[in-house]
Protein backbone atom coordinates (compact mmCIF):
# COMPACT_ATOMS: atom_id res chain seq x y z
CA MET A 1 69.40 54.73 50.88
CA ALA A 2 72.99 55.58 50.03
CA MET A 3 74.99 57.27 52.78
CA ALA A 4 76.63 60.62 52.06
CA LEU A 5 80.42 60.35 51.92
CA SER A 6 82.61 62.70 53.92
CA GLN A 7 85.02 64.63 51.76
CA LEU A 8 88.63 64.60 52.91
CA ARG A 9 91.25 66.81 51.26
CA ILE A 10 94.56 64.94 51.41
CA LEU A 11 98.04 66.08 50.48
CA MET A 12 99.96 62.84 50.06
CA VAL A 13 103.75 62.88 50.08
CA GLU A 14 104.41 59.53 48.42
CA ASP A 15 106.63 58.28 45.58
CA SER A 16 104.51 55.16 44.93
CA GLU A 17 101.21 55.61 43.14
CA ASP A 18 100.22 52.06 44.09
CA ASP A 19 100.70 52.80 47.80
CA MET A 20 98.64 55.97 47.38
CA LEU A 21 95.80 53.97 45.81
CA VAL A 22 95.88 51.48 48.69
CA THR A 23 95.53 54.33 51.17
CA LEU A 24 92.63 55.84 49.22
CA ASP A 25 90.85 52.47 49.06
CA VAL A 26 91.08 52.18 52.86
CA LEU A 27 89.46 55.60 53.20
CA LYS A 28 86.72 54.85 50.68
CA LEU A 29 85.84 51.66 52.56
CA ASN A 30 85.33 53.85 55.64
CA SER A 31 82.80 56.20 53.98
CA TYR A 32 85.27 58.89 52.95
CA GLN A 33 85.48 60.62 49.59
CA PRO A 34 89.19 61.48 49.38
CA LEU A 35 90.29 64.42 47.25
CA CYS A 36 93.99 63.77 46.91
CA LYS A 37 97.10 65.33 45.42
CA ARG A 38 100.33 63.32 45.38
CA VAL A 39 103.72 65.06 45.54
CA GLU A 40 107.22 63.60 45.62
CA THR A 41 109.55 66.58 45.95
CA ALA A 42 110.04 69.49 48.30
CA ALA A 43 109.30 71.99 45.51
CA ASN A 44 106.02 70.30 44.61
CA MET A 45 104.98 70.08 48.26
CA LYS A 46 105.79 73.74 48.87
CA ALA A 47 103.59 74.71 45.93
CA ALA A 48 100.80 72.37 47.03
CA LEU A 49 100.75 73.87 50.53
CA LEU A 50 99.37 77.06 49.00
CA GLU A 51 96.11 75.12 48.63
CA CYS A 52 93.75 74.08 51.43
CA TRP A 53 94.17 70.60 52.97
CA ASP A 54 92.56 68.67 55.81
CA ILE A 55 95.50 66.34 56.41
CA VAL A 56 98.99 65.47 55.18
CA ILE A 57 99.91 61.78 54.82
CA CYS A 58 103.60 61.20 54.24
CA ASP A 59 105.82 58.22 53.52
CA TYR A 60 108.89 58.19 55.72
CA ILE A 61 111.53 57.85 52.99
CA LEU A 62 111.36 59.24 49.46
CA PRO A 63 114.25 59.63 46.95
CA GLY A 64 115.92 62.94 47.88
CA PHE A 65 113.11 63.79 50.28
CA GLY A 66 111.47 62.38 53.39
CA ALA A 67 109.08 62.82 56.30
CA ILE A 68 111.31 65.06 58.43
CA ALA A 69 111.94 67.48 55.56
CA ALA A 70 108.24 67.43 54.63
CA LEU A 71 107.27 68.11 58.24
CA LYS A 72 109.60 71.12 58.38
CA LEU A 73 108.07 72.48 55.17
CA LEU A 74 104.60 72.24 56.69
CA GLN A 75 105.70 73.82 59.96
CA ALA A 76 107.26 76.72 58.08
CA THR A 77 103.81 77.67 56.76
CA ALA A 78 102.41 77.84 60.34
CA GLN A 79 99.36 75.89 59.20
CA ASP A 80 97.73 73.63 61.79
CA ILE A 81 97.27 70.55 59.56
CA PRO A 82 97.60 67.03 61.00
CA PHE A 83 100.71 65.26 59.70
CA ILE A 84 100.60 61.45 59.72
CA ILE A 85 103.47 59.24 58.61
CA VAL A 86 102.60 56.01 56.77
CA SER A 87 105.60 53.76 56.24
CA GLY A 88 106.43 50.18 55.40
CA VAL A 89 109.13 49.78 58.04
CA ILE A 90 110.19 52.26 60.71
CA ASP A 91 112.46 51.94 63.67
CA GLU A 92 110.77 52.58 67.04
CA GLN A 93 113.29 55.25 68.04
CA ILE A 94 112.87 56.98 64.69
CA ALA A 95 109.11 56.96 65.20
CA VAL A 96 109.52 58.54 68.63
CA ASP A 97 111.87 61.19 67.23
CA THR A 98 109.42 62.13 64.46
CA LEU A 99 106.62 62.52 66.99
CA LYS A 100 108.85 64.74 69.09
CA ALA A 101 109.60 66.79 65.98
CA GLY A 102 105.90 67.47 65.55
CA ALA A 103 104.37 64.60 63.56
CA HIS A 104 100.94 63.70 64.92
CA ASP A 105 101.07 59.92 64.41
CA PHE A 106 102.67 57.16 62.36
CA VAL A 107 101.01 54.09 60.86
CA LEU A 108 102.69 51.01 59.48
CA LYS A 109 101.55 49.98 56.02
CA SER A 110 101.12 46.48 57.40
CA ARG A 111 98.55 47.83 59.89
CA MET A 112 96.41 50.15 57.75
CA SER A 113 93.41 49.47 59.97
CA ARG A 114 94.89 52.11 62.31
CA LEU A 115 94.87 54.80 59.64
CA VAL A 116 91.23 55.90 59.75
CA PRO A 117 91.02 56.07 63.58
CA ALA A 118 94.27 58.07 63.62
CA ILE A 119 92.97 60.48 60.97
CA GLU A 120 89.64 60.97 62.74
CA ARG A 121 91.33 61.58 66.08
CA GLU A 122 93.73 64.14 64.63
CA LEU A 123 90.96 65.91 62.73
CA ARG A 124 88.95 66.22 65.97
CA GLU A 125 91.93 67.59 67.85
CA ALA A 126 92.74 70.01 65.02
CA LYS A 127 89.16 71.29 65.17
CA ILE A 128 89.45 71.78 68.92
CA ARG A 129 92.70 73.70 68.45
CA GLN A 130 91.08 75.84 65.75
CA GLN A 131 88.11 76.62 67.99
CA TYR A 132 90.47 77.54 70.82
CA GLN A 133 92.45 79.86 68.55
CA LEU A 134 89.24 81.51 67.35
CA ALA A 135 88.12 81.96 70.97
CA GLN A 136 91.50 83.48 71.88
CA ALA A 137 91.33 85.83 68.91
CA ALA A 138 87.80 86.87 69.89
CA LEU A 139 88.97 87.40 73.47
CA LYS A 140 91.83 89.63 72.34
CA GLN A 141 89.45 91.58 70.13
CA ASN A 142 87.01 92.03 73.00
CA GLU A 143 89.85 93.14 75.28
CA ALA A 144 90.95 95.70 72.68
CA ARG A 145 87.38 96.96 72.38
CA TYR A 146 87.10 97.10 76.16
CA ARG A 147 90.29 99.15 76.46
CA SER A 148 89.09 101.52 73.72
CA LEU A 149 85.69 101.89 75.39
CA THR A 150 87.32 102.50 78.75
CA LEU A 151 89.51 105.26 77.35
CA ALA A 152 86.64 106.77 75.34
CA THR A 153 84.36 106.93 78.37
CA SER A 154 87.08 107.99 80.82
CA GLN A 155 86.04 105.07 83.00
CA ALA A 156 88.21 102.60 84.87
CA VAL A 157 86.91 99.15 85.74
CA TRP A 158 88.78 97.53 88.61
CA THR A 159 88.85 94.45 90.82
CA ALA A 160 90.25 93.93 94.30
CA ASN A 161 90.76 90.87 96.49
CA PRO A 162 88.47 90.17 99.50
CA GLN A 163 90.77 92.24 101.75
CA GLY A 164 90.38 95.28 99.49
CA GLN A 165 93.84 95.19 97.93
CA ILE A 166 94.57 95.46 94.23
CA VAL A 167 96.31 92.28 93.13
CA GLU A 168 95.63 92.17 89.38
CA ASP A 169 96.64 94.53 86.61
CA ILE A 170 94.10 97.26 85.77
CA PRO A 171 94.96 98.53 82.27
CA SER A 172 92.15 101.10 82.28
CA TRP A 173 93.44 102.61 85.56
CA ARG A 174 96.98 102.77 84.21
CA ALA A 175 95.71 104.40 81.01
CA LEU A 176 93.96 107.11 83.04
CA THR A 177 96.58 107.78 85.71
CA GLY A 178 99.89 106.82 84.12
CA GLN A 179 100.74 104.66 87.14
CA THR A 180 102.62 101.43 86.49
CA GLU A 181 101.15 98.04 87.32
CA ALA A 182 103.43 97.77 90.35
CA GLU A 183 102.48 101.26 91.57
CA VAL A 184 98.76 100.42 91.53
CA LYS A 185 99.06 97.14 93.48
CA GLY A 186 97.97 96.87 97.10
CA TRP A 187 97.00 100.36 98.29
CA GLY A 188 99.27 102.11 95.80
CA TRP A 189 96.29 103.39 93.82
CA LEU A 190 95.71 105.94 96.61
CA GLU A 191 98.81 107.81 95.44
CA ALA A 192 96.93 108.85 92.30
CA LEU A 193 94.32 110.66 94.40
CA HIS A 194 94.48 114.28 95.49
CA PRO A 195 96.32 114.42 98.85
CA GLU A 196 93.26 116.02 100.49
CA ASP A 197 91.03 113.12 99.39
CA ARG A 198 93.23 110.13 100.32
CA GLU A 199 92.47 109.77 104.03
CA ARG A 200 88.71 110.17 103.57
CA THR A 201 88.67 107.70 100.67
CA ALA A 202 90.75 105.13 102.57
CA LYS A 203 88.33 105.28 105.53
CA ILE A 204 85.27 104.81 103.31
CA TRP A 205 86.93 101.92 101.45
CA THR A 206 88.03 100.22 104.70
CA GLN A 207 84.52 100.58 106.11
CA ALA A 208 82.97 99.02 103.00
CA VAL A 209 85.42 96.09 103.04
CA THR A 210 84.87 95.50 106.77
CA THR A 211 81.07 95.56 106.50
CA LYS A 212 80.87 93.89 103.06
CA SER A 213 78.73 96.79 101.92
CA LEU A 214 78.41 99.00 98.86
CA TYR A 215 81.37 101.32 98.31
CA GLN A 216 80.53 104.79 97.00
CA VAL A 217 82.75 107.85 97.03
CA GLU A 218 83.78 110.85 94.95
CA TYR A 219 87.37 112.03 94.75
CA ARG A 220 89.86 113.93 92.64
CA MET A 221 92.37 111.84 90.73
CA LYS A 222 95.48 112.95 88.87
CA VAL A 223 95.24 111.80 85.25
CA VAL A 224 97.83 111.59 82.50
CA GLY A 225 98.95 115.15 81.83
CA GLY A 226 99.11 116.09 85.50
CA THR A 227 95.64 117.58 85.98
CA TYR A 228 93.12 116.46 88.61
CA ARG A 229 89.66 115.34 87.55
CA TYR A 230 86.62 114.35 89.60
CA PHE A 231 85.54 110.70 89.63
CA ALA A 232 82.44 109.01 91.00
CA VAL A 233 83.45 105.60 92.34
CA ARG A 234 81.22 102.62 92.97
CA GLY A 235 82.28 99.15 94.09
CA VAL A 236 80.31 96.04 95.00
CA PRO A 237 81.40 92.85 96.77
CA ILE A 238 80.94 89.58 94.88
CA ILE A 239 79.70 87.07 97.45
CA ASP A 240 80.20 83.31 97.14
CA ASP A 241 77.80 80.54 98.24
CA CYS A 242 79.24 80.59 101.76
CA GLY A 243 78.53 84.29 102.22
CA GLU A 244 82.18 85.27 101.90
CA ILE A 245 83.57 87.92 99.55
CA ARG A 246 85.17 86.37 96.49
CA GLU A 247 86.33 89.71 95.08
CA TRP A 248 85.37 93.34 94.64
CA VAL A 249 84.37 94.83 91.30
CA GLY A 250 84.03 98.55 90.73
CA THR A 251 84.09 101.48 88.33
CA ASN A 252 85.54 104.99 88.32
CA THR A 253 83.52 107.38 86.13
CA ASP A 254 84.78 110.84 85.20
CA ILE A 255 82.25 113.44 86.41
CA SER A 256 84.42 116.53 86.01
CA GLU A 257 82.02 118.22 83.59
CA VAL A 258 79.12 117.58 85.96
CA LYS A 259 81.12 119.08 88.83
CA GLN A 260 81.94 122.13 86.74
CA GLN A 261 78.26 122.64 85.95
CA GLU A 262 77.38 122.24 89.63
CA GLN A 263 79.93 124.89 90.53
CA LYS A 264 78.47 127.27 87.94
CA ILE A 265 74.96 126.65 89.27
CA ARG A 266 76.10 127.28 92.85
CA ALA A 267 77.79 130.51 91.76
CA GLN A 268 74.67 131.62 89.93
CA ALA A 269 72.50 130.68 92.91
CA ALA A 270 74.73 132.72 95.18
CA LEU A 271 74.25 135.74 92.92
CA LEU A 272 70.49 135.18 92.82
CA ASN A 273 70.39 134.98 96.60
CA ILE A 274 72.05 138.37 96.85
CA ALA A 275 69.30 139.93 94.73
CA THR A 276 66.58 141.77 96.68
CA ASP A 277 63.89 140.78 94.19
CA ALA A 278 62.03 137.51 94.67
CA ILE A 279 63.39 134.96 92.17
CA VAL A 280 61.64 131.62 91.72
CA VAL A 281 62.74 128.95 89.22
CA ILE A 282 60.22 126.30 88.15
CA ASN A 283 60.30 123.44 85.62
CA LYS A 284 57.77 122.65 82.90
CA GLY A 285 55.61 120.84 85.42
CA GLN A 286 55.57 124.01 87.57
CA LYS A 287 57.58 122.37 90.38
CA ILE A 288 59.77 124.81 92.32
CA LEU A 289 63.49 124.24 91.71
CA PHE A 290 64.95 127.41 93.23
CA TRP A 291 63.67 129.91 95.82
CA ASN A 292 65.99 132.77 96.73
CA LYS A 293 66.22 134.91 99.86
CA GLY A 294 64.07 137.59 98.22
CA ALA A 295 61.31 135.03 97.69
CA GLU A 296 61.57 133.92 101.32
CA LYS A 297 61.09 137.56 102.43
CA LEU A 298 58.21 138.27 100.03
CA TYR A 299 56.21 135.08 100.40
CA GLN A 300 57.33 134.14 103.97
CA TRP A 301 58.06 130.51 103.05
CA GLN A 302 61.58 129.19 103.59
CA ALA A 303 63.23 127.51 100.59
CA LYS A 304 63.24 124.12 102.34
CA GLU A 305 59.44 124.34 102.71
CA VAL A 306 58.69 124.90 99.05
CA LEU A 307 61.34 123.16 96.94
CA GLY A 308 59.70 120.39 94.90
CA ASN A 309 56.16 121.69 95.47
CA LEU A 310 53.85 123.00 92.76
CA VAL A 311 53.97 126.77 92.58
CA SER A 312 50.27 126.85 91.63
CA GLU A 313 49.32 125.20 94.93
CA LEU A 314 51.31 127.69 97.01
CA LEU A 315 50.86 131.08 95.41
CA TYR A 316 47.38 130.97 93.86
CA LYS A 317 43.86 130.62 95.29
CA GLU A 318 42.26 130.53 91.86
CA PRO A 319 43.39 128.54 88.81
CA SER A 320 46.95 129.57 88.01
CA PRO A 321 47.53 131.85 85.02
CA LEU A 322 51.10 130.59 84.86
CA GLN A 323 50.44 128.17 82.00
CA GLN A 324 49.41 131.01 79.69
CA ALA A 325 52.51 132.97 80.66
CA PHE A 326 54.66 129.88 80.20
CA ASP A 327 53.23 129.24 76.70
CA LYS A 328 54.07 132.82 75.69
CA VAL A 329 57.62 132.41 76.94
CA VAL A 330 58.01 129.25 74.86
CA ALA A 331 56.55 130.92 71.78
CA ALA A 332 58.13 134.38 72.03
CA GLY A 333 61.03 133.91 74.41
CA GLU A 334 59.68 136.35 77.01
CA TRP A 335 56.58 137.49 78.92
CA GLN A 336 55.74 140.60 80.89
CA GLY A 337 52.74 141.23 83.10
CA GLU A 338 51.24 141.06 86.58
CA LEU A 339 50.37 137.96 88.61
CA ASN A 340 48.00 138.06 91.57
CA GLN A 341 49.46 135.75 94.19
CA ILE A 342 49.29 135.05 97.92
CA ASN A 343 51.91 134.62 100.61
CA LYS A 344 52.13 132.06 103.40
CA GLU A 345 49.55 133.98 105.50
CA GLY A 346 47.14 134.15 102.57
CA LYS A 347 47.68 137.85 101.98
CA LYS A 348 47.56 139.18 98.44
CA VAL A 349 50.85 139.75 96.63
CA ILE A 350 51.14 141.34 93.21
CA ALA A 351 54.13 140.05 91.26
CA ILE A 352 55.33 142.08 88.31
């Protein structure tokens, strides 16, 4: 069975067609199928470099041209293509200088047995470099996505050393607070917090670091623009195999909208508590969510006794008619009527 030949795209800078043919024969004997273009001048090489090549093989001296000039032409394109010099005679110092200039290897025409191993080695290394560059590009793309996600979600992701100090840059924190990298380092991040929250936060953080335990806190932080927003903070210690903290990793999540809603609910609850009527709030499952002072007076249960319980189990001896009333509210938006209920002592209460 015939073996498949490996294609090799070669740009050959060579003034001798016979020498080119010798090089191609060496490659063919080593199971390569060379696809070659020969150029002799700088202009022809510059045009040829617009095409795609696996390797450049260059004679050291050509009339009006040469390896150093050819190497500079290749480097000007910023293409990572192995450049190997093949020459009849070359001084050792000249060979060293060409390698320092960026050539990948040189092979004497009297020792062509070195050519294929040199090509294969340089192709492997070029592939490794290409894979590294792709990985770096992917990393930069992921970092850009991460920064965009952080800003979009108003969340900072941070790390600290085992002693609880910030030692690395936190771009997401800087984007939120406007602090510089130097200002965040160590305990400098505390300066972004509301003055009333700093001491409490520092104590909670110190306690977590000392006990190697979960760090959870809420505080107000000044963001870009000068306003304070509420953040829920959570940090966990990363423990190594010896049981020691390797680092801390945590997140700051903006909960300002949640806090605003909580404040509205508390204000509404305060108003409901002032009302003399009994006001009870239940969910779809008929669990009690709110029980005002009027309800405590009417039914004689304290709020702490009833919250989370089923209203049907507390206020009704017989099957609760609440579901019918609830269905009418869903369908029509309102319901009016009387409900026969009982209080804590079992006495009848009529709710209108």
